[in-house]
Amino acid sequence: MNKRMTTIIMTMIFVAILSLWILAKDHSAVPLHFRILIAIGGSLLSGVLAYFLSIEKNDAEKSKSNK
């Protein structure tokens, strides 16, 4: 679980930095507060996707057996 959360947080940070850089470089006409909101949205979406895509087989079996 701890390793999975570290990977997810690193993915979110990477997406935020990369998206802010691309928005500043290619779309400088967009106001800064909208660029920040777009970067936050992309980071949250990438974090959610990384969380669900990183579920291991053992985690899925444990959740089924607990029900």
N, C-alpha and C. Protein backbone atom coordinates (compact mmCIF):
# COMPACT_ATOMS: atom_id res chain seq x y z
N MET A 1 0.83 -1.20 0.00
CA MET A 1 0.00 0.00 0.00
C MET A 1 0.87 1.25 0.00
N ASN A 2 1.92 1.28 0.82
CA ASN A 2 2.77 2.45 0.92
C ASN A 2 3.50 2.71 -0.38
N LYS A 3 3.99 1.65 -1.01
CA LYS A 3 4.70 1.80 -2.28
C LYS A 3 3.75 2.28 -3.37
N ARG A 4 2.52 1.80 -3.33
CA ARG A 4 1.52 2.22 -4.32
C ARG A 4 1.19 3.71 -4.16
N MET A 5 1.05 4.18 -2.94
CA MET A 5 0.74 5.60 -2.72
C MET A 5 1.90 6.48 -3.14
N THR A 6 3.13 6.03 -2.92
CA THR A 6 4.29 6.80 -3.34
C THR A 6 4.31 6.95 -4.86
N THR A 7 4.00 5.88 -5.57
CA THR A 7 3.95 5.93 -7.02
C THR A 7 2.85 6.85 -7.50
N ILE A 8 1.70 6.81 -6.86
CA ILE A 8 0.58 7.66 -7.26
C ILE A 8 0.91 9.13 -7.04
N ILE A 9 1.49 9.46 -5.91
CA ILE A 9 1.82 10.85 -5.62
C ILE A 9 2.89 11.37 -6.57
N MET A 10 3.88 10.53 -6.88
CA MET A 10 4.91 10.94 -7.83
C MET A 10 4.32 11.16 -9.22
N THR A 11 3.36 10.33 -9.61
CA THR A 11 2.69 10.50 -10.89
C THR A 11 1.92 11.81 -10.92
N MET A 12 1.24 12.13 -9.86
CA MET A 12 0.47 13.37 -9.79
C MET A 12 1.38 14.59 -9.87
N ILE A 13 2.50 14.55 -9.18
CA ILE A 13 3.45 15.66 -9.21
C ILE A 13 4.03 15.83 -10.61
N PHE A 14 4.38 14.72 -11.24
CA PHE A 14 4.93 14.75 -12.59
C PHE A 14 3.93 15.35 -13.57
N VAL A 15 2.67 14.94 -13.47
CA VAL A 15 1.63 15.46 -14.37
C VAL A 15 1.41 16.95 -14.14
N ALA A 16 1.43 17.38 -12.89
CA ALA A 16 1.22 18.80 -12.59
C ALA A 16 2.35 19.66 -13.16
N ILE A 17 3.58 19.23 -12.96
CA ILE A 17 4.72 20.00 -13.48
C ILE A 17 4.72 20.02 -14.99
N LEU A 18 4.50 18.88 -15.60
CA LEU A 18 4.50 18.80 -17.06
C LEU A 18 3.36 19.60 -17.67
N SER A 19 2.19 19.53 -17.07
CA SER A 19 1.06 20.27 -17.63
C SER A 19 1.24 21.78 -17.47
N LEU A 20 1.78 22.22 -16.35
CA LEU A 20 2.03 23.66 -16.19
C LEU A 20 3.08 24.14 -17.19
N TRP A 21 4.09 23.33 -17.43
CA TRP A 21 5.12 23.70 -18.39
C TRP A 21 4.56 23.80 -19.81
N ILE A 22 3.77 22.80 -20.21
CA ILE A 22 3.21 22.81 -21.56
C ILE A 22 2.21 23.95 -21.72
N LEU A 23 1.39 24.20 -20.71
CA LEU A 23 0.43 25.30 -20.79
C LEU A 23 1.14 26.65 -20.85
N ALA A 24 2.22 26.81 -20.13
CA ALA A 24 2.96 28.08 -20.16
C ALA A 24 3.68 28.27 -21.49
N LYS A 25 4.17 27.17 -22.05
CA LYS A 25 4.94 27.25 -23.30
C LYS A 25 4.03 27.45 -24.51
N ASP A 26 2.98 26.66 -24.61
CA ASP A 26 2.16 26.65 -25.83
C ASP A 26 0.88 27.47 -25.73
N HIS A 27 0.38 27.69 -24.53
CA HIS A 27 -0.90 28.38 -24.36
C HIS A 27 -0.76 29.53 -23.37
N SER A 28 0.12 30.45 -23.68
CA SER A 28 0.39 31.55 -22.76
C SER A 28 -0.76 32.55 -22.69
N ALA A 29 -1.70 32.49 -23.63
CA ALA A 29 -2.85 33.41 -23.60
C ALA A 29 -3.86 33.02 -22.52
N VAL A 30 -3.80 31.80 -22.05
CA VAL A 30 -4.71 31.35 -20.99
C VAL A 30 -4.25 31.97 -19.68
N PRO A 31 -5.18 32.58 -18.93
CA PRO A 31 -4.79 33.19 -17.64
C PRO A 31 -4.20 32.15 -16.68
N LEU A 32 -3.34 32.64 -15.80
CA LEU A 32 -2.60 31.76 -14.89
C LEU A 32 -3.53 30.94 -14.00
N HIS A 33 -4.59 31.55 -13.47
CA HIS A 33 -5.46 30.80 -12.56
C HIS A 33 -6.18 29.66 -13.29
N PHE A 34 -6.48 29.81 -14.57
CA PHE A 34 -7.07 28.70 -15.33
C PHE A 34 -6.04 27.61 -15.61
N ARG A 35 -4.80 28.02 -15.87
CA ARG A 35 -3.75 27.03 -16.09
C ARG A 35 -3.53 26.19 -14.84
N ILE A 36 -3.57 26.84 -13.68
CA ILE A 36 -3.39 26.11 -12.42
C ILE A 36 -4.56 25.16 -12.19
N LEU A 37 -5.79 25.61 -12.48
CA LEU A 37 -6.95 24.73 -12.32
C LEU A 37 -6.89 23.53 -13.25
N ILE A 38 -6.44 23.75 -14.48
CA ILE A 38 -6.29 22.65 -15.44
C ILE A 38 -5.24 21.66 -14.94
N ALA A 39 -4.14 22.16 -14.41
CA ALA A 39 -3.08 21.29 -13.90
C ALA A 39 -3.57 20.50 -12.68
N ILE A 40 -4.31 21.12 -11.80
CA ILE A 40 -4.85 20.42 -10.63
C ILE A 40 -5.82 19.34 -11.06
N GLY A 41 -6.69 19.66 -12.01
CA GLY A 41 -7.64 18.66 -12.50
C GLY A 41 -6.95 17.48 -13.15
N GLY A 42 -5.94 17.76 -13.96
CA GLY A 42 -5.19 16.68 -14.59
C GLY A 42 -4.44 15.83 -13.58
N SER A 43 -3.91 16.46 -12.56
CA SER A 43 -3.19 15.71 -11.52
C SER A 43 -4.13 14.81 -10.73
N LEU A 44 -5.30 15.33 -10.38
CA LEU A 44 -6.26 14.51 -9.65
C LEU A 44 -6.75 13.34 -10.50
N LEU A 45 -7.03 13.60 -11.76
CA LEU A 45 -7.48 12.54 -12.65
C LEU A 45 -6.40 11.47 -12.82
N SER A 46 -5.16 11.90 -12.99
CA SER A 46 -4.08 10.92 -13.14
C SER A 46 -3.87 10.12 -11.86
N GLY A 47 -4.07 10.75 -10.71
CA GLY A 47 -3.95 10.04 -9.44
C GLY A 47 -5.03 8.98 -9.27
N VAL A 48 -6.26 9.32 -9.65
CA VAL A 48 -7.36 8.36 -9.55
C VAL A 48 -7.13 7.19 -10.51
N LEU A 49 -6.72 7.50 -11.73
CA LEU A 49 -6.45 6.43 -12.70
C LEU A 49 -5.29 5.54 -12.25
N ALA A 50 -4.24 6.16 -11.73
CA ALA A 50 -3.10 5.37 -11.26
C ALA A 50 -3.48 4.50 -10.08
N TYR A 51 -4.37 5.00 -9.23
CA TYR A 51 -4.81 4.21 -8.07
C TYR A 51 -5.54 2.95 -8.52
N PHE A 52 -6.50 3.10 -9.44
CA PHE A 52 -7.28 1.95 -9.86
C PHE A 52 -6.50 1.02 -10.79
N LEU A 53 -5.55 1.56 -11.52
CA LEU A 53 -4.76 0.70 -12.40
C LEU A 53 -3.65 -0.03 -11.66
N SER A 54 -3.32 0.41 -10.45
CA SER A 54 -2.24 -0.24 -9.71
C SER A 54 -2.75 -1.24 -8.68
N ILE A 55 -4.04 -1.54 -8.70
CA ILE A 55 -4.58 -2.54 -7.78
C ILE A 55 -4.03 -3.91 -8.18
N GLU A 56 -3.41 -4.56 -7.24
CA GLU A 56 -2.81 -5.86 -7.51
C GLU A 56 -3.84 -6.97 -7.35
N LYS A 57 -3.51 -8.12 -7.84
CA LYS A 57 -4.42 -9.26 -7.78
C LYS A 57 -4.71 -9.64 -6.33
N ASN A 58 -3.72 -9.57 -5.47
CA ASN A 58 -3.92 -9.92 -4.06
C ASN A 58 -4.88 -8.95 -3.38
N ASP A 59 -4.80 -7.67 -3.72
CA ASP A 59 -5.72 -6.69 -3.14
C ASP A 59 -7.15 -6.97 -3.56
N ALA A 60 -7.33 -7.34 -4.82
CA ALA A 60 -8.67 -7.63 -5.32
C ALA A 60 -9.25 -8.88 -4.66
N GLU A 61 -8.41 -9.89 -4.46
CA GLU A 61 -8.88 -11.11 -3.81
C GLU A 61 -9.21 -10.87 -2.34
N LYS A 62 -8.43 -10.04 -1.67
CA LYS A 62 -8.70 -9.74 -0.27
C LYS A 62 -10.01 -9.01 -0.13
N SER A 63 -10.29 -8.05 -1.02
CA SER A 63 -11.55 -7.31 -0.92
C SER A 63 -12.74 -8.20 -1.20
N LYS A 64 -12.59 -9.20 -2.09
CA LYS A 64 -13.69 -10.12 -2.36
C LYS A 64 -13.94 -11.05 -1.18
N SER A 65 -12.86 -11.49 -0.53
CA SER A 65 -13.02 -12.43 0.59
C SER A 65 -13.57 -11.73 1.83
N ASN A 66 -13.38 -10.41 1.95
CA ASN A 66 -13.89 -9.67 3.10
C ASN A 66 -15.39 -9.44 3.01
N LYS A 67 -15.96 -9.54 1.83
CA LYS A 67 -17.40 -9.24 1.65
C LYS A 67 -18.25 -10.39 2.02
